[in-house]
Amino acid sequence: MKVFVSSPAGVRVYCEVQEGQSWTVFLARHHQTPNENFTRSWQDHKKGFGDPEGEHWLGNENLHTLTGGETRYRLRVEATNLQGEQRYGEWRVFRVAPEDNRYRLTVEQYNSSSTLGDGLNYHNGESFTTVDRDHDTWSAGNCAVHHGGGGWWGWRWGWRWGCGLVNPTGPLHLSDLHQDPWKVMSWVFFIPGDGHWVKLSSVKMMVKS
């Protein structure tokens, strides 16, 4: 069941009720006409953009207001690959720090019963980067640009995984012909233990206390 409510920050948010539990959706990606542009500035990612009834980003400031207090929030991610296979992952701790700490991400305690792999572990403790505000550790460039646009937490450069293991805010590309899957909406460990980039046709990220 889908409902729309006002968040603690006074922002209209999209909530999804599953088995009697209400989850606040902060990222929704799927094919629509036209698709939302996620290659945006730091300020846009701070405020949020898009339509809660379609593709949208709730905004880092709203996420901090929602999760930055003493109440512990959980994270649930639902992802679908290009072949229509759906998987989910849950983490018991999700928190976003204030802007003066560059909206640093805490995502911990992965639920091992999840069917989606823990690609977020690589991003835990990292800052948010956008195409115009580079907070990653890659000295040779900006990981947001390298991954095709969008904005995301903690792209830190590593010898094997490059800038990270997930790219849920990358451009939506529904063809298998694209040669660089890390430059589109994708997820490493879509299947737990399988360290390949898998392109996604949809992804939803949501939190609850």
N, C-alpha and C. Protein backbone atom coordinates (compact mmCIF):
# COMPACT_ATOMS: atom_id res chain seq x y z
N MET A 1 0.84 -1.19 0.00
CA MET A 1 0.00 0.00 0.00
C MET A 1 0.88 1.24 0.00
N LYS A 2 0.51 2.24 -0.81
CA LYS A 2 1.25 3.48 -0.91
C LYS A 2 0.48 4.60 -0.21
N VAL A 3 1.18 5.37 0.62
CA VAL A 3 0.56 6.51 1.28
C VAL A 3 1.52 7.69 1.20
N PHE A 4 0.97 8.91 1.30
CA PHE A 4 1.78 10.12 1.30
C PHE A 4 1.52 10.87 2.60
N VAL A 5 2.61 11.19 3.33
CA VAL A 5 2.50 11.85 4.62
C VAL A 5 3.52 12.97 4.69
N SER A 6 3.46 13.78 5.76
CA SER A 6 4.45 14.82 6.01
C SER A 6 5.51 14.26 6.96
N SER A 7 6.76 14.43 6.58
CA SER A 7 7.87 13.96 7.39
C SER A 7 8.09 14.91 8.57
N PRO A 8 8.98 14.54 9.54
CA PRO A 8 9.32 15.46 10.64
C PRO A 8 9.86 16.80 10.15
N ALA A 9 10.41 16.82 8.93
CA ALA A 9 10.93 18.07 8.37
C ALA A 9 9.85 18.87 7.67
N GLY A 10 8.61 18.38 7.70
CA GLY A 10 7.51 19.07 7.05
C GLY A 10 7.46 18.86 5.56
N VAL A 11 8.13 17.84 5.06
CA VAL A 11 8.21 17.55 3.64
C VAL A 11 7.26 16.40 3.31
N ARG A 12 6.53 16.54 2.20
CA ARG A 12 5.64 15.46 1.77
C ARG A 12 6.48 14.29 1.27
N VAL A 13 6.27 13.12 1.86
CA VAL A 13 7.06 11.96 1.51
C VAL A 13 6.16 10.80 1.11
N TYR A 14 6.74 9.90 0.35
CA TYR A 14 6.06 8.70 -0.10
C TYR A 14 6.42 7.56 0.86
N CYS A 15 5.43 6.93 1.44
CA CYS A 15 5.65 5.80 2.33
C CYS A 15 5.03 4.55 1.75
N GLU A 16 5.68 3.44 1.99
CA GLU A 16 5.19 2.16 1.52
C GLU A 16 4.93 1.27 2.73
N VAL A 17 3.73 0.73 2.82
CA VAL A 17 3.35 -0.11 3.94
C VAL A 17 3.50 -1.57 3.53
N GLN A 18 4.37 -2.28 4.25
CA GLN A 18 4.61 -3.69 3.98
C GLN A 18 4.45 -4.48 5.28
N GLU A 19 3.54 -5.41 5.29
CA GLU A 19 3.29 -6.25 6.46
C GLU A 19 3.06 -5.40 7.71
N GLY A 20 2.29 -4.33 7.53
CA GLY A 20 1.95 -3.46 8.65
C GLY A 20 3.02 -2.48 9.06
N GLN A 21 4.15 -2.46 8.36
CA GLN A 21 5.25 -1.55 8.69
C GLN A 21 5.35 -0.48 7.60
N SER A 22 5.52 0.77 8.04
CA SER A 22 5.58 1.90 7.12
C SER A 22 7.03 2.32 6.89
N TRP A 23 7.45 2.29 5.63
CA TRP A 23 8.80 2.67 5.24
C TRP A 23 8.74 4.00 4.47
N THR A 24 9.62 4.94 4.83
CA THR A 24 9.73 6.21 4.12
C THR A 24 10.72 6.07 2.96
N VAL A 25 10.24 6.28 1.74
CA VAL A 25 11.08 6.12 0.55
C VAL A 25 11.88 7.41 0.33
N PHE A 26 13.22 7.28 0.24
CA PHE A 26 14.03 8.47 -0.02
C PHE A 26 14.67 8.46 -1.41
N LEU A 27 14.71 7.29 -2.05
CA LEU A 27 15.18 7.22 -3.42
C LEU A 27 14.28 6.26 -4.19
N ALA A 28 13.75 6.72 -5.33
CA ALA A 28 12.96 5.86 -6.20
C ALA A 28 13.45 6.06 -7.63
N ARG A 29 13.81 4.96 -8.28
CA ARG A 29 14.26 4.99 -9.67
C ARG A 29 13.51 3.92 -10.45
N HIS A 30 13.02 4.28 -11.62
CA HIS A 30 12.36 3.34 -12.51
C HIS A 30 12.14 4.05 -13.85
N HIS A 31 11.75 3.29 -14.84
CA HIS A 31 11.49 3.89 -16.15
C HIS A 31 10.20 4.70 -16.11
N GLN A 32 10.29 5.95 -16.51
CA GLN A 32 9.12 6.81 -16.67
C GLN A 32 9.42 7.77 -17.80
N THR A 33 8.40 8.50 -18.24
CA THR A 33 8.59 9.45 -19.35
C THR A 33 8.17 10.85 -18.90
N PRO A 34 9.13 11.80 -18.82
CA PRO A 34 10.57 11.59 -18.98
C PRO A 34 11.18 11.08 -17.68
N ASN A 35 12.38 10.51 -17.77
CA ASN A 35 13.08 10.11 -16.55
C ASN A 35 13.66 11.33 -15.85
N GLU A 36 13.74 11.24 -14.54
CA GLU A 36 14.31 12.32 -13.73
C GLU A 36 15.82 12.39 -13.94
N ASN A 37 16.36 13.60 -14.00
CA ASN A 37 17.80 13.80 -14.13
C ASN A 37 18.44 13.82 -12.75
N PHE A 38 19.31 12.86 -12.46
CA PHE A 38 19.97 12.79 -11.16
C PHE A 38 21.37 13.40 -11.18
N THR A 39 21.82 13.89 -12.34
CA THR A 39 23.10 14.58 -12.40
C THR A 39 22.86 16.03 -12.03
N ARG A 40 22.90 16.26 -10.73
CA ARG A 40 22.53 17.57 -10.18
C ARG A 40 23.58 18.06 -9.19
N SER A 41 23.39 19.30 -8.77
CA SER A 41 24.36 19.96 -7.89
C SER A 41 24.23 19.47 -6.44
N TRP A 42 25.21 19.89 -5.64
CA TRP A 42 25.18 19.63 -4.20
C TRP A 42 23.91 20.21 -3.58
N GLN A 43 23.54 21.42 -3.97
CA GLN A 43 22.36 22.06 -3.40
C GLN A 43 21.09 21.30 -3.76
N ASP A 44 20.99 20.79 -4.97
CA ASP A 44 19.82 20.01 -5.36
C ASP A 44 19.73 18.73 -4.54
N HIS A 45 20.86 18.06 -4.36
CA HIS A 45 20.86 16.84 -3.56
C HIS A 45 20.60 17.16 -2.08
N LYS A 46 20.99 18.33 -1.65
CA LYS A 46 20.69 18.75 -0.29
C LYS A 46 19.20 18.94 -0.09
N LYS A 47 18.54 19.65 -0.99
CA LYS A 47 17.11 19.98 -0.86
C LYS A 47 16.19 18.84 -1.27
N GLY A 48 16.64 18.03 -2.23
CA GLY A 48 15.78 17.00 -2.79
C GLY A 48 15.15 17.46 -4.09
N PHE A 49 14.71 16.51 -4.90
CA PHE A 49 14.12 16.83 -6.19
C PHE A 49 13.28 15.66 -6.69
N GLY A 50 12.52 15.93 -7.74
CA GLY A 50 11.66 14.91 -8.31
C GLY A 50 10.27 14.93 -7.70
N ASP A 51 9.47 13.95 -8.06
CA ASP A 51 8.08 13.83 -7.62
C ASP A 51 7.95 12.61 -6.73
N PRO A 52 7.43 12.74 -5.49
CA PRO A 52 7.27 11.58 -4.61
C PRO A 52 6.44 10.46 -5.24
N GLU A 53 5.62 10.79 -6.23
CA GLU A 53 4.82 9.76 -6.89
C GLU A 53 5.57 9.10 -8.05
N GLY A 54 6.80 9.57 -8.33
CA GLY A 54 7.62 8.99 -9.38
C GLY A 54 9.05 8.90 -8.92
N GLU A 55 9.99 9.13 -9.86
CA GLU A 55 11.40 9.13 -9.48
C GLU A 55 11.69 10.35 -8.60
N HIS A 56 12.46 10.15 -7.53
CA HIS A 56 12.79 11.29 -6.67
C HIS A 56 13.93 10.96 -5.73
N TRP A 57 14.50 12.04 -5.18
CA TRP A 57 15.50 12.00 -4.11
C TRP A 57 14.97 12.89 -3.00
N LEU A 58 14.84 12.34 -1.80
CA LEU A 58 14.22 13.08 -0.69
C LEU A 58 15.05 14.28 -0.26
N GLY A 59 16.36 14.19 -0.39
CA GLY A 59 17.23 15.30 0.00
C GLY A 59 18.06 14.96 1.22
N ASN A 60 19.35 15.31 1.18
CA ASN A 60 20.25 14.97 2.28
C ASN A 60 19.89 15.68 3.57
N GLU A 61 19.43 16.92 3.49
CA GLU A 61 19.06 17.63 4.71
C GLU A 61 17.86 16.97 5.36
N ASN A 62 16.90 16.55 4.54
CA ASN A 62 15.74 15.84 5.09
C ASN A 62 16.14 14.49 5.67
N LEU A 63 17.07 13.81 5.01
CA LEU A 63 17.54 12.52 5.53
C LEU A 63 18.25 12.69 6.87
N HIS A 64 19.04 13.75 6.99
CA HIS A 64 19.69 14.01 8.28
C HIS A 64 18.66 14.31 9.36
N THR A 65 17.68 15.17 9.03
CA THR A 65 16.64 15.49 10.01
C THR A 65 15.90 14.23 10.46
N LEU A 66 15.67 13.34 9.52
CA LEU A 66 14.92 12.12 9.81
C LEU A 66 15.73 11.12 10.61
N THR A 67 17.00 10.92 10.25
CA THR A 67 17.77 9.81 10.82
C THR A 67 18.88 10.24 11.77
N GLY A 68 19.16 11.55 11.87
CA GLY A 68 20.33 12.00 12.61
C GLY A 68 20.16 12.11 14.11
N GLY A 69 18.97 11.80 14.64
CA GLY A 69 18.74 11.90 16.08
C GLY A 69 19.09 10.61 16.80
N GLU A 70 18.51 10.44 17.99
CA GLU A 70 18.81 9.26 18.80
C GLU A 70 18.04 8.02 18.35
N THR A 71 16.95 8.22 17.62
CA THR A 71 16.17 7.08 17.15
C THR A 71 16.95 6.33 16.07
N ARG A 72 17.03 5.01 16.22
CA ARG A 72 17.74 4.20 15.25
C ARG A 72 16.82 3.89 14.06
N TYR A 73 17.35 4.09 12.86
CA TYR A 73 16.60 3.81 11.63
C TYR A 73 17.21 2.63 10.90
N ARG A 74 16.35 1.83 10.28
CA ARG A 74 16.74 0.72 9.44
C ARG A 74 16.63 1.13 7.97
N LEU A 75 17.38 0.44 7.13
CA LEU A 75 17.37 0.68 5.69
C LEU A 75 16.91 -0.58 4.96
N ARG A 76 16.07 -0.39 3.96
CA ARG A 76 15.68 -1.47 3.06
C ARG A 76 15.89 -1.01 1.62
N VAL A 77 16.52 -1.84 0.83
CA VAL A 77 16.74 -1.58 -0.59
C VAL A 77 16.06 -2.67 -1.40
N GLU A 78 15.29 -2.27 -2.40
CA GLU A 78 14.67 -3.21 -3.31
C GLU A 78 15.17 -2.89 -4.72
N ALA A 79 15.74 -3.89 -5.39
CA ALA A 79 16.37 -3.67 -6.70
C ALA A 79 15.91 -4.73 -7.68
N THR A 80 15.80 -4.34 -8.95
CA THR A 80 15.41 -5.24 -10.03
C THR A 80 16.41 -5.12 -11.16
N ASN A 81 16.90 -6.26 -11.67
CA ASN A 81 17.84 -6.20 -12.78
C ASN A 81 17.11 -6.11 -14.12
N LEU A 82 17.85 -6.08 -15.22
CA LEU A 82 17.23 -5.89 -16.53
C LEU A 82 16.39 -7.09 -16.96
N GLN A 83 16.62 -8.23 -16.32
CA GLN A 83 15.85 -9.43 -16.65
C GLN A 83 14.59 -9.57 -15.80
N GLY A 84 14.34 -8.60 -14.91
CA GLY A 84 13.14 -8.61 -14.09
C GLY A 84 13.28 -9.34 -12.77
N GLU A 85 14.49 -9.77 -12.42
CA GLU A 85 14.71 -10.45 -11.14
C GLU A 85 14.76 -9.42 -10.01
N GLN A 86 13.97 -9.62 -8.99
CA GLN A 86 13.87 -8.69 -7.87
C GLN A 86 14.60 -9.24 -6.65
N ARG A 87 15.35 -8.38 -5.97
CA ARG A 87 16.05 -8.75 -4.75
C ARG A 87 15.94 -7.61 -3.74
N TYR A 88 16.09 -7.95 -2.46
CA TYR A 88 16.03 -6.92 -1.41
C TYR A 88 17.18 -7.10 -0.43
N GLY A 89 17.56 -6.00 0.20
CA GLY A 89 18.57 -6.03 1.25
C GLY A 89 18.13 -5.14 2.40
N GLU A 90 18.48 -5.53 3.63
CA GLU A 90 18.16 -4.73 4.81
C GLU A 90 19.39 -4.56 5.69
N TRP A 91 19.51 -3.36 6.26
CA TRP A 91 20.57 -3.00 7.20
C TRP A 91 19.90 -2.43 8.44
N ARG A 92 20.38 -2.82 9.61
CA ARG A 92 19.71 -2.45 10.86
C ARG A 92 20.05 -1.04 11.33
N VAL A 93 21.10 -0.45 10.77
CA VAL A 93 21.51 0.91 11.18
C VAL A 93 21.73 1.76 9.93
N PHE A 94 21.04 2.91 9.87
CA PHE A 94 21.21 3.86 8.78
C PHE A 94 21.11 5.26 9.34
N ARG A 95 22.14 6.08 9.07
CA ARG A 95 22.16 7.44 9.62
C ARG A 95 22.90 8.35 8.65
N VAL A 96 22.42 9.59 8.55
CA VAL A 96 23.07 10.60 7.72
C VAL A 96 23.46 11.78 8.61
N ALA A 97 24.74 12.14 8.60
CA ALA A 97 25.27 13.23 9.43
C ALA A 97 24.87 14.59 8.84
N PRO A 98 25.08 15.68 9.60
CA PRO A 98 24.72 17.01 9.09
C PRO A 98 25.64 17.47 7.97
N GLU A 99 25.25 18.59 7.34
CA GLU A 99 26.01 19.09 6.19
C GLU A 99 27.44 19.44 6.55
N ASP A 100 27.68 19.97 7.77
CA ASP A 100 29.04 20.34 8.12
C ASP A 100 29.95 19.11 8.26
N ASN A 101 29.35 17.94 8.29
CA ASN A 101 30.11 16.68 8.23
C ASN A 101 29.91 16.01 6.87
N ARG A 102 29.52 16.80 5.88
CA ARG A 102 29.38 16.38 4.48
C ARG A 102 28.41 15.21 4.34
N TYR A 103 27.37 15.23 5.18
CA TYR A 103 26.31 14.21 5.14
C TYR A 103 26.89 12.79 5.18
N ARG A 104 27.87 12.61 6.04
CA ARG A 104 28.55 11.32 6.15
C ARG A 104 27.55 10.20 6.44
N LEU A 105 27.76 9.06 5.81
CA LEU A 105 26.83 7.93 5.88
C LEU A 105 27.27 6.90 6.91
N THR A 106 26.31 6.44 7.71
CA THR A 106 26.50 5.26 8.53
C THR A 106 25.49 4.21 8.08
N VAL A 107 25.98 3.08 7.60
CA VAL A 107 25.10 1.98 7.21
C VAL A 107 25.77 0.69 7.68
N GLU A 108 25.15 0.03 8.66
CA GLU A 108 25.79 -1.09 9.34
C GLU A 108 24.77 -2.19 9.62
N GLN A 109 25.30 -3.32 10.07
CA GLN A 109 24.51 -4.47 10.51
C GLN A 109 23.61 -5.00 9.40
N TYR A 110 24.26 -5.42 8.33
CA TYR A 110 23.60 -6.06 7.20
C TYR A 110 22.88 -7.32 7.66
N ASN A 111 21.63 -7.46 7.22
CA ASN A 111 20.84 -8.64 7.56
C ASN A 111 21.21 -9.77 6.59
N SER A 112 21.80 -10.83 7.13
CA SER A 112 22.32 -11.90 6.29
C SER A 112 21.24 -12.70 5.56
N SER A 113 19.98 -12.51 5.95
CA SER A 113 18.89 -13.18 5.23
C SER A 113 18.48 -12.44 3.96
N SER A 114 19.11 -11.28 3.70
CA SER A 114 18.81 -10.49 2.50
C SER A 114 19.17 -11.27 1.24
N THR A 115 18.43 -10.99 0.18
CA THR A 115 18.73 -11.62 -1.11
C THR A 115 19.59 -10.73 -2.00
N LEU A 116 19.74 -9.45 -1.63
CA LEU A 116 20.62 -8.50 -2.32
C LEU A 116 21.91 -8.41 -1.54
N GLY A 117 23.06 -8.45 -2.22
CA GLY A 117 24.34 -8.43 -1.55
C GLY A 117 24.66 -7.10 -0.90
N ASP A 118 25.63 -7.12 0.03
CA ASP A 118 25.98 -5.94 0.81
C ASP A 118 26.97 -5.05 0.08
N GLY A 119 26.54 -4.45 -1.03
CA GLY A 119 27.38 -3.51 -1.74
C GLY A 119 27.62 -2.22 -0.97
N LEU A 120 26.78 -1.94 0.03
CA LEU A 120 26.90 -0.68 0.76
C LEU A 120 28.01 -0.68 1.81
N ASN A 121 28.52 -1.84 2.17
CA ASN A 121 29.57 -1.91 3.18
C ASN A 121 30.77 -1.06 2.80
N TYR A 122 31.08 -1.00 1.52
CA TYR A 122 32.22 -0.25 1.00
C TYR A 122 32.03 1.26 1.19
N HIS A 123 30.78 1.71 1.34
CA HIS A 123 30.47 3.13 1.42
C HIS A 123 30.24 3.63 2.84
N ASN A 124 30.23 2.71 3.81
CA ASN A 124 29.99 3.08 5.20
C ASN A 124 31.06 4.03 5.71
N GLY A 125 30.62 5.11 6.38
CA GLY A 125 31.55 6.07 6.96
C GLY A 125 32.06 7.12 6.00
N GLU A 126 31.56 7.13 4.77
CA GLU A 126 32.07 8.06 3.76
C GLU A 126 31.15 9.28 3.59
N SER A 127 31.69 10.31 2.95
CA SER A 127 30.97 11.55 2.72
C SER A 127 30.23 11.51 1.38
N PHE A 128 29.34 12.48 1.19
CA PHE A 128 28.55 12.56 -0.04
C PHE A 128 29.32 13.36 -1.08
N THR A 129 29.28 12.89 -2.33
CA THR A 129 29.96 13.56 -3.44
C THR A 129 28.96 13.82 -4.56
N THR A 130 29.05 14.99 -5.17
CA THR A 130 28.26 15.32 -6.35
C THR A 130 29.21 15.80 -7.45
N VAL A 131 28.67 16.05 -8.63
CA VAL A 131 29.53 16.45 -9.74
C VAL A 131 30.20 17.80 -9.50
N ASP A 132 29.63 18.61 -8.60
CA ASP A 132 30.23 19.92 -8.32
C ASP A 132 30.83 20.03 -6.92
N ARG A 133 30.83 18.95 -6.15
CA ARG A 133 31.39 18.98 -4.79
C ARG A 133 32.06 17.62 -4.54
N ASP A 134 33.39 17.60 -4.72
CA ASP A 134 34.15 16.35 -4.71
C ASP A 134 34.66 16.05 -3.30
N HIS A 135 34.07 15.03 -2.66
CA HIS A 135 34.49 14.61 -1.33
C HIS A 135 35.02 13.18 -1.31
N ASP A 136 35.26 12.59 -2.48
CA ASP A 136 35.79 11.23 -2.50
C ASP A 136 37.31 11.26 -2.35
N THR A 137 37.92 10.08 -2.28
CA THR A 137 39.37 10.00 -2.04
C THR A 137 40.16 9.73 -3.31
N TRP A 138 39.54 9.85 -4.46
CA TRP A 138 40.24 9.65 -5.73
C TRP A 138 40.94 10.95 -6.10
N SER A 139 42.25 10.95 -6.04
CA SER A 139 43.01 12.18 -6.29
C SER A 139 43.03 12.57 -7.76
N ALA A 140 42.71 11.62 -8.65
CA ALA A 140 42.80 11.89 -10.09
C ALA A 140 41.49 12.37 -10.70
N GLY A 141 40.41 12.43 -9.93
CA GLY A 141 39.15 12.85 -10.50
C GLY A 141 38.00 12.82 -9.52
N ASN A 142 36.81 13.01 -10.04
CA ASN A 142 35.57 13.03 -9.25
C ASN A 142 34.79 11.75 -9.54
N CYS A 143 34.52 10.97 -8.49
CA CYS A 143 33.86 9.68 -8.69
C CYS A 143 32.43 9.84 -9.20
N ALA A 144 31.75 10.94 -8.85
CA ALA A 144 30.41 11.17 -9.37
C ALA A 144 30.44 11.30 -10.89
N VAL A 145 31.43 12.01 -11.39
CA VAL A 145 31.59 12.16 -12.84
C VAL A 145 31.98 10.82 -13.45
N HIS A 146 32.90 10.11 -12.82
CA HIS A 146 33.37 8.82 -13.33
C HIS A 146 32.23 7.81 -13.46
N HIS A 147 31.25 7.89 -12.56
CA HIS A 147 30.13 6.96 -12.56
C HIS A 147 28.94 7.47 -13.37
N GLY A 148 29.15 8.48 -14.20
CA GLY A 148 28.12 8.90 -15.13
C GLY A 148 27.21 9.99 -14.63
N GLY A 149 27.49 10.52 -13.44
CA GLY A 149 26.65 11.58 -12.88
C GLY A 149 26.01 11.14 -11.58
N GLY A 150 24.98 11.85 -11.16
CA GLY A 150 24.34 11.52 -9.90
C GLY A 150 25.13 12.02 -8.71
N GLY A 151 24.72 11.62 -7.54
CA GLY A 151 25.42 11.95 -6.31
C GLY A 151 25.31 10.75 -5.39
N TRP A 152 26.39 10.50 -4.62
CA TRP A 152 26.35 9.32 -3.76
C TRP A 152 27.37 9.44 -2.65
N TRP A 153 27.22 8.56 -1.66
CA TRP A 153 28.11 8.57 -0.51
C TRP A 153 29.40 7.82 -0.77
N GLY A 154 30.47 8.45 -0.33
CA GLY A 154 31.72 7.77 -0.07
C GLY A 154 32.33 7.05 -1.23
N TRP A 155 32.15 7.51 -2.45
CA TRP A 155 32.91 6.88 -3.50
C TRP A 155 34.39 7.04 -3.16
N ARG A 156 35.00 5.98 -2.66
CA ARG A 156 36.43 6.05 -2.35
C ARG A 156 37.18 5.14 -3.31
N TRP A 157 38.26 5.66 -3.85
CA TRP A 157 38.98 4.95 -4.89
C TRP A 157 39.73 3.77 -4.30
N GLY A 158 39.55 2.60 -4.90
CA GLY A 158 40.24 1.39 -4.46
C GLY A 158 40.84 0.67 -5.64
N TRP A 159 41.82 -0.15 -5.37
CA TRP A 159 42.55 -0.81 -6.47
C TRP A 159 41.67 -1.76 -7.26
N ARG A 160 40.68 -2.36 -6.61
CA ARG A 160 39.85 -3.35 -7.32
C ARG A 160 38.51 -2.78 -7.74
N TRP A 161 37.84 -2.06 -6.85
CA TRP A 161 36.46 -1.67 -7.09
C TRP A 161 36.33 -0.24 -7.60
N GLY A 162 37.45 0.43 -7.86
CA GLY A 162 37.35 1.79 -8.36
C GLY A 162 36.71 2.70 -7.33
N CYS A 163 35.63 3.37 -7.71
CA CYS A 163 34.99 4.35 -6.83
C CYS A 163 33.95 3.75 -5.89
N GLY A 164 33.57 2.50 -6.05
CA GLY A 164 32.57 1.96 -5.14
C GLY A 164 31.89 0.73 -5.69
N LEU A 165 30.86 0.29 -4.98
CA LEU A 165 30.19 -0.96 -5.31
C LEU A 165 28.73 -0.78 -5.72
N VAL A 166 28.20 0.41 -5.58
CA VAL A 166 26.81 0.65 -5.98
C VAL A 166 26.72 2.00 -6.69
N ASN A 167 25.78 2.11 -7.62
CA ASN A 167 25.56 3.38 -8.34
C ASN A 167 24.07 3.56 -8.60
N PRO A 168 23.26 3.70 -7.54
CA PRO A 168 21.81 3.78 -7.72
C PRO A 168 21.32 5.11 -8.27
N THR A 169 22.19 6.14 -8.31
CA THR A 169 21.77 7.42 -8.86
C THR A 169 22.38 7.69 -10.23
N GLY A 170 23.02 6.68 -10.82
CA GLY A 170 23.54 6.82 -12.17
C GLY A 170 22.42 6.85 -13.20
N PRO A 171 22.73 7.20 -14.45
CA PRO A 171 21.71 7.25 -15.49
C PRO A 171 21.02 5.89 -15.66
N LEU A 172 19.73 5.92 -15.92
CA LEU A 172 18.97 4.69 -16.16
C LEU A 172 19.20 4.25 -17.60
N HIS A 173 19.71 3.03 -17.77
CA HIS A 173 20.03 2.52 -19.10
C HIS A 173 19.50 1.10 -19.18
N LEU A 174 18.50 0.88 -20.01
CA LEU A 174 17.78 -0.40 -20.02
C LEU A 174 18.27 -1.37 -21.08
N SER A 175 19.46 -1.14 -21.62
CA SER A 175 20.02 -2.02 -22.64
C SER A 175 21.26 -2.72 -22.11
N ASP A 176 21.44 -3.99 -22.48
CA ASP A 176 22.64 -4.73 -22.12
C ASP A 176 23.84 -4.34 -22.97
N LEU A 177 23.65 -3.46 -23.96
CA LEU A 177 24.70 -3.12 -24.89
C LEU A 177 25.71 -2.12 -24.33
N HIS A 178 25.35 -1.43 -23.24
CA HIS A 178 26.25 -0.42 -22.68
C HIS A 178 27.51 -1.09 -22.16
N GLN A 179 28.69 -0.59 -22.55
CA GLN A 179 29.94 -1.27 -22.22
C GLN A 179 30.45 -0.95 -20.83
N ASP A 180 29.95 0.07 -20.17
CA ASP A 180 30.45 0.46 -18.86
C ASP A 180 29.30 0.43 -17.84
N PRO A 181 29.00 -0.72 -17.25
CA PRO A 181 27.85 -0.81 -16.35
C PRO A 181 27.99 0.05 -15.10
N TRP A 182 29.21 0.39 -14.70
CA TRP A 182 29.38 1.23 -13.52
C TRP A 182 29.03 2.69 -13.80
N LYS A 183 28.79 3.05 -15.07
CA LYS A 183 28.41 4.41 -15.42
C LYS A 183 26.90 4.59 -15.55
N VAL A 184 26.14 3.53 -15.22
CA VAL A 184 24.69 3.59 -15.23
C VAL A 184 24.19 3.06 -13.89
N MET A 185 22.89 3.07 -13.68
CA MET A 185 22.31 2.59 -12.43
C MET A 185 22.62 1.10 -12.27
N SER A 186 23.37 0.75 -11.23
CA SER A 186 23.88 -0.62 -11.13
C SER A 186 24.27 -0.94 -9.69
N TRP A 187 24.59 -2.23 -9.47
CA TRP A 187 24.89 -2.71 -8.12
C TRP A 187 25.83 -3.91 -8.23
N VAL A 188 26.98 -3.84 -7.55
CA VAL A 188 27.85 -5.00 -7.40
C VAL A 188 27.29 -5.88 -6.28
N PHE A 189 27.46 -7.19 -6.40
CA PHE A 189 26.88 -8.15 -5.45
C PHE A 189 25.35 -8.10 -5.49
N PHE A 190 24.78 -7.85 -6.68
CA PHE A 190 23.33 -8.00 -6.81
C PHE A 190 22.94 -9.40 -6.33
N ILE A 191 23.73 -10.38 -6.71
CA ILE A 191 23.65 -11.73 -6.12
C ILE A 191 24.76 -11.81 -5.09
N PRO A 192 24.44 -12.06 -3.81
CA PRO A 192 25.49 -12.10 -2.78
C PRO A 192 26.64 -13.01 -3.19
N GLY A 193 27.85 -12.48 -3.06
CA GLY A 193 29.04 -13.24 -3.40
C GLY A 193 29.49 -13.11 -4.83
N ASP A 194 28.66 -12.52 -5.70
CA ASP A 194 29.00 -12.34 -7.11
C ASP A 194 29.47 -10.91 -7.32
N GLY A 195 30.78 -10.74 -7.52
CA GLY A 195 31.36 -9.41 -7.58
C GLY A 195 31.34 -8.77 -8.95
N HIS A 196 30.22 -8.85 -9.66
CA HIS A 196 30.10 -8.21 -10.97
C HIS A 196 29.09 -7.06 -10.90
N TRP A 197 29.35 -6.03 -11.71
CA TRP A 197 28.38 -4.95 -11.84
C TRP A 197 27.14 -5.48 -12.56
N VAL A 198 25.98 -5.27 -11.97
CA VAL A 198 24.71 -5.67 -12.57
C VAL A 198 23.85 -4.43 -12.77
N LYS A 199 23.47 -4.18 -14.01
CA LYS A 199 22.63 -3.01 -14.29
C LYS A 199 21.21 -3.25 -13.79
N LEU A 200 20.58 -2.17 -13.33
CA LEU A 200 19.26 -2.24 -12.72
C LEU A 200 18.22 -1.53 -13.58
N SER A 201 17.01 -2.07 -13.56
CA SER A 201 15.88 -1.39 -14.21
C SER A 201 15.09 -0.56 -13.21
N SER A 202 15.22 -0.87 -11.92
CA SER A 202 14.58 -0.07 -10.89
C SER A 202 15.29 -0.29 -9.56
N VAL A 203 15.21 0.70 -8.70
CA VAL A 203 15.74 0.57 -7.34
C VAL A 203 14.94 1.50 -6.44
N LYS A 204 14.72 1.04 -5.21
CA LYS A 204 14.01 1.83 -4.21
C LYS A 204 14.75 1.69 -2.89
N MET A 205 14.99 2.82 -2.22
CA MET A 205 15.65 2.82 -0.93
C MET A 205 14.74 3.51 0.08
N MET A 206 14.57 2.90 1.25
CA MET A 206 13.62 3.43 2.22
C MET A 206 14.07 3.10 3.64
N VAL A 207 13.57 3.90 4.60
CA VAL A 207 13.97 3.77 5.98
C VAL A 207 12.75 3.71 6.90
N LYS A 208 12.96 3.11 8.08
CA LYS A 208 11.93 3.12 9.11
C LYS A 208 12.62 3.02 10.46
N SER A 209 11.95 3.53 11.49
CA SER A 209 12.50 3.46 12.84
C SER A 209 12.08 2.16 13.50
